[in-house]
Amino acid sequence: GAYRLVYLARHSGQDYLFSLLTGYCDAPAGKPMMPGLYYNPYFPGGAIAMPPPLNDGGVEYEDGTAATISQQAKDVVEFLNW
């Protein structure tokens, strides 16, 4: 899918994809954002149309691992590397 293309197309694709998945935040003061866009400093220009794809507790791990955004992003990157 799209994540695999991003992963393959960029130098340091693993780091970029992890940063993109975990980088959603409020835009800095004075940064205008068009309606329907989300701020992510790791996306060129900082405005991305894709809503944050991960949220804390978004999955349940059988071993009890905390399902943080960071952990889920790590798992996505590892899966794409596989």
C-alpha atoms as a PDB file:
ATOM      1  CA  GLY A   1       0.000   0.000   0.000  1.00  0.00           C
ATOM      2  CA  ALA A   2       0.880   3.652   0.275  1.00  0.00           C
ATOM      3  CA  TYR A   3       3.064   3.228   3.363  1.00  0.00           C
ATOM      4  CA  ARG A   4       5.213   0.680   1.535  1.00  0.00           C
ATOM      5  CA  LEU A   5       5.759   3.145  -1.322  1.00  0.00           C
ATOM      6  CA  VAL A   6       6.770   5.900   1.096  1.00  0.00           C
ATOM      7  CA  TYR A   7       9.064   3.455   2.847  1.00  0.00           C
ATOM      8  CA  LEU A   8      10.780   2.401  -0.385  1.00  0.00           C
ATOM      9  CA  ALA A   9      10.890   5.801  -2.087  1.00  0.00           C
ATOM     10  CA  ARG A  10      12.773   7.730   0.589  1.00  0.00           C
ATOM     11  CA  HIS A  11      16.320   7.578   1.785  1.00  0.00           C
ATOM     12  CA  SER A  12      16.081   6.487   5.439  1.00  0.00           C
ATOM     13  CA  GLY A  13      12.507   5.393   4.722  1.00  0.00           C
ATOM     14  CA  GLN A  14      12.195   3.655   8.096  1.00  0.00           C
ATOM     15  CA  ASP A  15      13.017   6.799  10.028  1.00  0.00           C
ATOM     16  CA  TYR A  16      10.842   8.986   7.819  1.00  0.00           C
ATOM     17  CA  LEU A  17       7.805   6.723   8.086  1.00  0.00           C
ATOM     18  CA  PHE A  18       8.175   6.405  11.871  1.00  0.00           C
ATOM     19  CA  SER A  19       8.443  10.192  12.174  1.00  0.00           C
ATOM     20  CA  LEU A  20       5.485  10.744   9.875  1.00  0.00           C
ATOM     21  CA  LEU A  21       3.279   8.318  11.816  1.00  0.00           C
ATOM     22  CA  THR A  22       4.206   9.760  15.212  1.00  0.00           C
ATOM     23  CA  GLY A  23       4.648  13.426  14.264  1.00  0.00           C
ATOM     24  CA  TYR A  24       1.070  14.738  14.246  1.00  0.00           C
ATOM     25  CA  CYS A  25       0.646  17.720  16.561  1.00  0.00           C
ATOM     26  CA  ASP A  26      -0.963  21.128  16.812  1.00  0.00           C
ATOM     27  CA  ALA A  27       0.349  23.649  14.319  1.00  0.00           C
ATOM     28  CA  PRO A  28       2.655  26.277  15.773  1.00  0.00           C
ATOM     29  CA  ALA A  29       1.175  29.679  16.531  1.00  0.00           C
ATOM     30  CA  GLY A  30       0.909  31.694  13.354  1.00  0.00           C
ATOM     31  CA  LYS A  31       1.017  28.671  11.024  1.00  0.00           C
ATOM     32  CA  PRO A  32      -2.160  28.870   8.923  1.00  0.00           C
ATOM     33  CA  MET A  33      -3.813  25.534   8.194  1.00  0.00           C
ATOM     34  CA  MET A  34      -6.476  25.016   5.567  1.00  0.00           C
ATOM     35  CA  PRO A  35      -9.611  23.174   6.727  1.00  0.00           C
ATOM     36  CA  GLY A  36      -9.252  19.404   6.449  1.00  0.00           C
ATOM     37  CA  LEU A  37      -5.468  19.420   6.784  1.00  0.00           C
ATOM     38  CA  TYR A  38      -3.424  18.213   9.732  1.00  0.00           C
ATOM     39  CA  TYR A  39      -0.085  19.545  10.921  1.00  0.00           C
ATOM     40  CA  ASN A  40       2.889  17.215  10.767  1.00  0.00           C
ATOM     41  CA  PRO A  41       6.357  18.796  10.729  1.00  0.00           C
ATOM     42  CA  TYR A  42       7.805  15.710   9.020  1.00  0.00           C
ATOM     43  CA  PHE A  43       5.618  16.143   5.936  1.00  0.00           C
ATOM     44  CA  PRO A  44       6.909  18.610   3.329  1.00  0.00           C
ATOM     45  CA  GLY A  45       5.209  21.930   4.003  1.00  0.00           C
ATOM     46  CA  GLY A  46       3.802  20.639   7.301  1.00  0.00           C
ATOM     47  CA  ALA A  47       0.194  20.251   6.075  1.00  0.00           C
ATOM     48  CA  ILE A  48      -1.050  16.749   5.277  1.00  0.00           C
ATOM     49  CA  ALA A  49      -4.548  15.644   4.257  1.00  0.00           C
ATOM     50  CA  MET A  50      -4.246  12.204   5.863  1.00  0.00           C
ATOM     51  CA  PRO A  51      -5.638  12.238   9.400  1.00  0.00           C
ATOM     52  CA  PRO A  52      -3.481  10.682  12.107  1.00  0.00           C
ATOM     53  CA  PRO A  53      -3.699   6.949  11.322  1.00  0.00           C
ATOM     54  CA  LEU A  54      -2.709   5.735  14.800  1.00  0.00           C
ATOM     55  CA  ASN A  55      -4.037   6.404  18.281  1.00  0.00           C
ATOM     56  CA  ASP A  56      -3.099   5.162  21.726  1.00  0.00           C
ATOM     57  CA  GLY A  57      -4.911   1.903  22.423  1.00  0.00           C
ATOM     58  CA  GLY A  58      -5.625   1.365  18.716  1.00  0.00           C
ATOM     59  CA  VAL A  59      -4.730  -2.331  18.948  1.00  0.00           C
ATOM     60  CA  GLU A  60      -4.542  -4.911  21.697  1.00  0.00           C
ATOM     61  CA  TYR A  61      -1.322  -6.871  22.055  1.00  0.00           C
ATOM     62  CA  GLU A  62      -1.666 -10.435  23.345  1.00  0.00           C
ATOM     63  CA  ASP A  63       1.408 -10.045  25.548  1.00  0.00           C
ATOM     64  CA  GLY A  64       0.079  -6.899  27.229  1.00  0.00           C
ATOM     65  CA  THR A  65       2.442  -4.475  25.468  1.00  0.00           C
ATOM     66  CA  ALA A  66       1.133  -0.924  25.800  1.00  0.00           C
ATOM     67  CA  ALA A  67      -0.407   0.070  22.459  1.00  0.00           C
ATOM     68  CA  THR A  68       1.131   3.538  22.264  1.00  0.00           C
ATOM     69  CA  ILE A  69       1.328   5.429  18.995  1.00  0.00           C
ATOM     70  CA  SER A  70       5.092   4.994  19.095  1.00  0.00           C
ATOM     71  CA  GLN A  71       4.857   1.213  19.563  1.00  0.00           C
ATOM     72  CA  GLN A  72       2.322   0.832  16.760  1.00  0.00           C
ATOM     73  CA  ALA A  73       4.451   2.965  14.420  1.00  0.00           C
ATOM     74  CA  LYS A  74       7.488   0.826  15.259  1.00  0.00           C
ATOM     75  CA  ASP A  75       5.486  -2.291  14.406  1.00  0.00           C
ATOM     76  CA  VAL A  76       4.305  -0.844  11.073  1.00  0.00           C
ATOM     77  CA  VAL A  77       7.879   0.054  10.122  1.00  0.00           C
ATOM     78  CA  GLU A  78       9.189  -3.367  11.157  1.00  0.00           C
ATOM     79  CA  PHE A  79       6.444  -5.111   9.194  1.00  0.00           C
ATOM     80  CA  LEU A  80       7.248  -3.119   6.052  1.00  0.00           C
ATOM     81  CA  ASN A  81      10.923  -3.909   6.506  1.00  0.00           C
ATOM     82  CA  TRP A  82      10.098  -7.610   6.655  1.00  0.00           C
END
